[in-house]
């Protein structure tokens, strides 16, 4: 990875900053909340960045680990300074990977075309460290602030996500949703097999009670 100004600035007031990302399917790009690297007062803004640009920045970041190097111009491409330095700051302190991009797209699918759910990025764990709440006892209160915010976002969109799962026959998405909600609601997850059985029964009821035109419309939304 290039030695970036955005990765060496330590005097930014960022205590209230929680970087997040959202996929915009209509324009095939991501929205990322980035710090204003020039104001240094903790202010941030949403910047739009293409999937191609984010993949390039992520691959450049991986280069340090695997022994190859991007110069700054090749890494930056046509990005403006604000976006480039803002993303670089995130990469140095938070997890931003290909899997995160896929999860952002997945979250968009869960909430539908007009979904407003953001994916909050997790802070990097120091070598040998461990994120709060990643042990066996995953009580909601013991989770990191970022993970709590992610689950709250899912809970707020729970009904919409369920309907999307029924209409699109997304059983795996439904299982993951119920697993997350068990943590959020302080209940025991019923298990994958029982969850699939529950999904089958609920989806059957949904298909029987919902007008066919509404189902087709929702199924074609994305």
Protein backbone atom coordinates (compact mmCIF):
# COMPACT_ATOMS: atom_id res chain seq x y z
CA UNK A 1 0.00 0.00 0.00
CA UNK A 2 1.20 3.48 -0.73
CA UNK A 3 2.29 5.56 2.24
CA UNK A 4 -0.74 7.82 2.46
CA UNK A 5 -1.20 11.08 4.29
CA UNK A 6 -4.61 9.79 5.29
CA UNK A 7 -3.04 6.89 7.14
CA UNK A 8 -0.57 8.89 9.16
CA UNK A 9 -2.81 11.69 10.42
CA UNK A 10 -3.46 11.02 14.10
CA UNK A 11 -4.69 14.42 15.25
CA UNK A 12 -8.18 14.13 13.80
CA UNK A 13 -11.06 14.41 16.24
CA UNK A 14 -12.95 11.23 15.30
CA UNK A 15 -14.47 10.00 18.56
CA UNK A 16 -18.02 10.15 17.20
CA UNK A 17 -17.16 8.81 13.76
CA UNK A 18 -18.60 5.44 12.75
CA UNK A 19 -17.80 4.67 9.10
CA UNK A 20 -20.54 2.86 7.21
CA UNK A 21 -21.22 1.68 3.69
CA UNK A 22 -24.31 1.14 1.54
CA UNK A 23 -24.82 -0.37 -1.91
CA UNK A 24 -26.86 1.59 -4.48
CA UNK A 25 -28.04 -0.97 -7.01
CA UNK A 26 -29.60 1.55 -9.43
CA UNK A 27 -26.23 3.18 -10.11
CA UNK A 28 -24.04 0.16 -9.29
CA UNK A 29 -21.92 2.03 -6.77
CA UNK A 30 -21.31 2.28 -3.04
CA UNK A 31 -21.88 5.15 -0.66
CA UNK A 32 -19.28 5.40 2.11
CA UNK A 33 -19.25 7.87 5.01
CA UNK A 34 -15.72 9.28 5.20
CA UNK A 35 -14.03 11.79 7.49
CA UNK A 36 -13.13 15.18 6.11
CA UNK A 37 -9.37 14.71 6.18
CA UNK A 38 -8.65 18.42 5.76
CA UNK A 39 -10.98 19.89 8.39
CA UNK A 40 -9.71 17.47 11.07
CA UNK A 41 -12.68 18.34 13.28
CA UNK A 42 -14.50 15.02 13.07
CA UNK A 43 -16.90 16.15 10.35
CA UNK A 44 -17.71 13.56 7.71
CA UNK A 45 -19.68 13.24 4.50
CA UNK A 46 -21.05 10.57 2.20
CA UNK A 47 -19.00 9.89 -0.91
CA UNK A 48 -20.04 7.79 -3.89
CA UNK A 49 -17.48 5.35 -5.24
CA UNK A 50 -17.67 2.66 -7.90
CA UNK A 51 -17.26 -1.02 -7.17
CA UNK A 52 -14.22 -1.07 -9.44
CA UNK A 53 -12.50 1.71 -7.49
CA UNK A 54 -13.16 0.06 -4.13
CA UNK A 55 -11.86 -3.30 -5.38
CA UNK A 56 -8.66 -1.57 -6.53
CA UNK A 57 -8.13 0.14 -3.17
CA UNK A 58 -8.78 -3.10 -1.30
CA UNK A 59 -6.39 -5.07 -3.51
CA UNK A 60 -3.74 -2.39 -3.05
CA UNK A 61 -4.22 -2.62 0.72
CA UNK A 62 -3.72 -6.39 0.55
CA UNK A 63 -0.51 -5.85 -1.40
CA UNK A 64 1.45 -4.93 1.70
CA UNK A 65 0.59 -8.27 3.23
CA UNK A 66 1.41 -10.33 0.16
CA UNK A 67 4.50 -8.55 -1.04
CA UNK A 68 3.39 -6.42 -3.97
CA UNK A 69 3.16 -2.65 -4.09
CA UNK A 70 0.96 -0.02 -5.70
CA UNK A 71 2.27 3.47 -6.24
CA UNK A 72 -0.06 6.25 -5.15
CA UNK A 73 -1.13 7.27 -8.67
CA UNK A 74 -2.04 3.72 -9.69
CA UNK A 75 -3.95 3.17 -6.47
CA UNK A 76 -5.79 6.48 -6.52
CA UNK A 77 -6.85 6.34 -10.16
CA UNK A 78 -9.39 9.08 -10.94
CA UNK A 79 -10.61 9.46 -7.36
CA UNK A 80 -10.64 12.93 -5.84
CA UNK A 81 -8.38 13.60 -2.85
CA UNK A 82 -11.25 13.76 -0.34
CA UNK A 83 -12.55 10.32 -1.28
CA UNK A 84 -9.12 8.74 -1.63
CA UNK A 85 -7.81 9.94 1.72
CA UNK A 86 -11.13 9.26 3.45
CA UNK A 87 -11.20 5.64 2.26
CA UNK A 88 -7.52 5.24 3.13
CA UNK A 89 -8.20 6.41 6.68
CA UNK A 90 -10.93 3.77 6.96
CA UNK A 91 -8.66 1.04 5.60
CA UNK A 92 -6.04 1.80 8.22
CA UNK A 93 -8.44 1.59 11.15
CA UNK A 94 -11.46 -0.46 10.10
CA UNK A 95 -12.22 -3.64 8.18
CA UNK A 96 -13.00 -2.89 4.55
CA UNK A 97 -12.71 -6.02 2.43
CA UNK A 98 -14.33 -7.80 -0.51
CA UNK A 99 -16.49 -9.72 1.95
CA UNK A 100 -17.68 -6.41 3.42
CA UNK A 101 -18.72 -5.22 -0.04
CA UNK A 102 -20.64 -8.45 -0.56
CA UNK A 103 -22.35 -8.04 2.82
CA UNK A 104 -23.38 -4.49 1.89
CA UNK A 105 -25.01 -5.84 -1.27
CA UNK A 106 -26.63 -8.59 0.74
CA UNK A 107 -28.05 -6.04 3.17
CA UNK A 108 -29.49 -4.10 0.23
CA UNK A 109 -31.23 -7.27 -0.94
CA UNK A 110 -32.63 -7.85 2.52
CA UNK A 111 -34.19 -4.41 2.78
CA UNK A 112 -35.39 -4.11 -0.82
CA UNK A 113 -35.08 -1.43 -3.45
CA UNK A 114 -35.85 1.41 -1.05
CA UNK A 115 -33.91 -0.06 1.86
CA UNK A 116 -32.05 2.48 3.96
CA UNK A 117 -30.00 0.07 6.05
CA UNK A 118 -26.29 0.87 6.28
CA UNK A 119 -23.54 -1.60 7.09
CA UNK A 120 -21.41 -0.23 9.93
CA UNK A 121 -17.74 -1.08 9.57
CA UNK A 122 -15.90 -2.79 12.42
CA UNK A 123 -12.69 -1.50 13.92
CA UNK A 124 -9.52 -3.41 13.22
CA UNK A 125 -8.39 -5.69 16.03
CA UNK A 126 -4.77 -5.30 17.16
CA UNK A 127 -2.68 -8.41 16.57
CA UNK A 128 -3.48 -10.88 19.31
CA UNK A 129 -6.56 -8.90 20.27
CA UNK A 130 -10.22 -9.66 20.06
CA UNK A 131 -13.30 -7.63 19.39
CA UNK A 132 -15.59 -7.20 22.34
CA UNK A 133 -18.47 -9.62 22.06
CA UNK A 134 -16.90 -12.15 19.72
CA UNK A 135 -16.67 -14.92 22.31
CA UNK A 136 -19.10 -17.76 22.89
CA UNK A 137 -21.55 -15.75 24.99
CA UNK A 138 -22.90 -13.38 22.35
CA UNK A 139 -25.28 -11.41 24.54
CA UNK A 140 -26.36 -8.22 22.84
CA UNK A 141 -24.91 -6.00 25.57
CA UNK A 142 -21.50 -7.65 25.16
CA UNK A 143 -21.27 -6.95 21.45
CA UNK A 144 -19.22 -4.10 20.05
CA UNK A 145 -21.05 -0.81 19.44
CA UNK A 146 -20.77 -1.36 15.69
CA UNK A 147 -22.32 -4.83 15.89
CA UNK A 148 -25.13 -3.55 18.11
CA UNK A 149 -25.89 -0.87 15.55
CA UNK A 150 -25.94 -3.44 12.74
CA UNK A 151 -28.43 -5.63 14.61
CA UNK A 152 -30.60 -2.63 15.50
CA UNK A 153 -30.73 -1.74 11.81
CA UNK A 154 -31.86 -5.25 10.94
CA UNK A 155 -34.49 -5.16 13.68
CA UNK A 156 -35.90 -1.89 12.35
CA UNK A 157 -36.27 -3.46 8.90
CA UNK A 158 -37.28 -6.92 10.14
CA UNK A 159 -40.78 -7.11 8.64
CA UNK A 160 -39.65 -5.83 5.26
CA UNK A 161 -36.75 -8.27 5.19
CA UNK A 162 -39.02 -11.20 6.04
CA UNK A 163 -41.41 -10.35 3.21
CA UNK A 164 -38.50 -10.09 0.79
CA UNK A 165 -37.32 -13.51 1.91
CA UNK A 166 -40.77 -15.01 1.33
CA UNK A 167 -41.24 -13.42 -2.09
CA UNK A 168 -37.76 -14.37 -3.35
CA UNK A 169 -37.60 -17.74 -1.56
CA UNK A 170 -34.45 -16.69 0.30
CA UNK A 171 -34.22 -19.39 2.92
CA UNK A 172 -30.55 -18.81 3.76
CA UNK A 173 -31.12 -15.08 4.20
CA UNK A 174 -34.06 -15.87 6.47
CA UNK A 175 -31.98 -18.22 8.63
CA UNK A 176 -29.26 -15.59 9.08
CA UNK A 177 -31.88 -12.98 9.89
CA UNK A 178 -33.43 -15.16 12.60
CA UNK A 179 -30.00 -15.96 14.00
CA UNK A 180 -29.21 -12.25 14.28
CA UNK A 181 -32.60 -11.47 15.80
CA UNK A 182 -32.14 -14.17 18.44
CA UNK A 183 -29.06 -12.28 19.62
CA UNK A 184 -30.86 -8.94 19.44
CA UNK A 185 -33.92 -10.22 21.34
CA UNK A 186 -31.93 -12.15 23.96
CA UNK A 187 -33.47 -15.46 22.92
CA UNK A 188 -32.02 -18.81 21.92
CA UNK A 189 -31.71 -19.49 18.21
CA UNK A 190 -34.00 -22.43 17.38
CA UNK A 191 -31.46 -24.05 15.05
CA UNK A 192 -31.12 -24.12 11.28
CA UNK A 193 -33.38 -27.13 10.68
CA UNK A 194 -36.24 -25.75 12.78
CA UNK A 195 -35.73 -22.32 11.22
CA UNK A 196 -36.07 -23.73 7.71
CA UNK A 197 -39.27 -25.51 8.75
CA UNK A 198 -40.59 -22.25 10.16
CA UNK A 199 -39.68 -20.43 6.94
CA UNK A 200 -41.47 -23.03 4.83
CA UNK A 201 -44.68 -22.70 6.86
CA UNK A 202 -44.59 -18.90 6.97
CA UNK A 203 -43.81 -18.59 3.27
CA UNK A 204 -46.69 -20.94 2.40
CA UNK A 205 -49.06 -18.74 4.41
CA UNK A 206 -47.65 -15.60 2.77
CA UNK A 207 -48.14 -17.02 -0.73
CA UNK A 208 -51.70 -18.07 0.09
CA UNK A 209 -52.72 -14.72 1.59
CA UNK A 210 -50.91 -12.31 -0.73
CA UNK A 211 -52.25 -11.34 -4.17
CA UNK A 212 -50.23 -12.95 -6.94
CA UNK A 213 -49.60 -9.60 -8.62
CA UNK A 214 -48.05 -8.18 -5.45
CA UNK A 215 -45.78 -11.23 -5.11
CA UNK A 216 -44.64 -10.95 -8.73
CA UNK A 217 -44.01 -7.24 -8.35
CA UNK A 218 -41.89 -7.72 -5.23
CA UNK A 219 -40.01 -10.65 -6.78
CA UNK A 220 -39.03 -8.49 -9.78
CA UNK A 221 -37.97 -5.45 -7.77
CA UNK A 222 -34.27 -6.47 -7.79
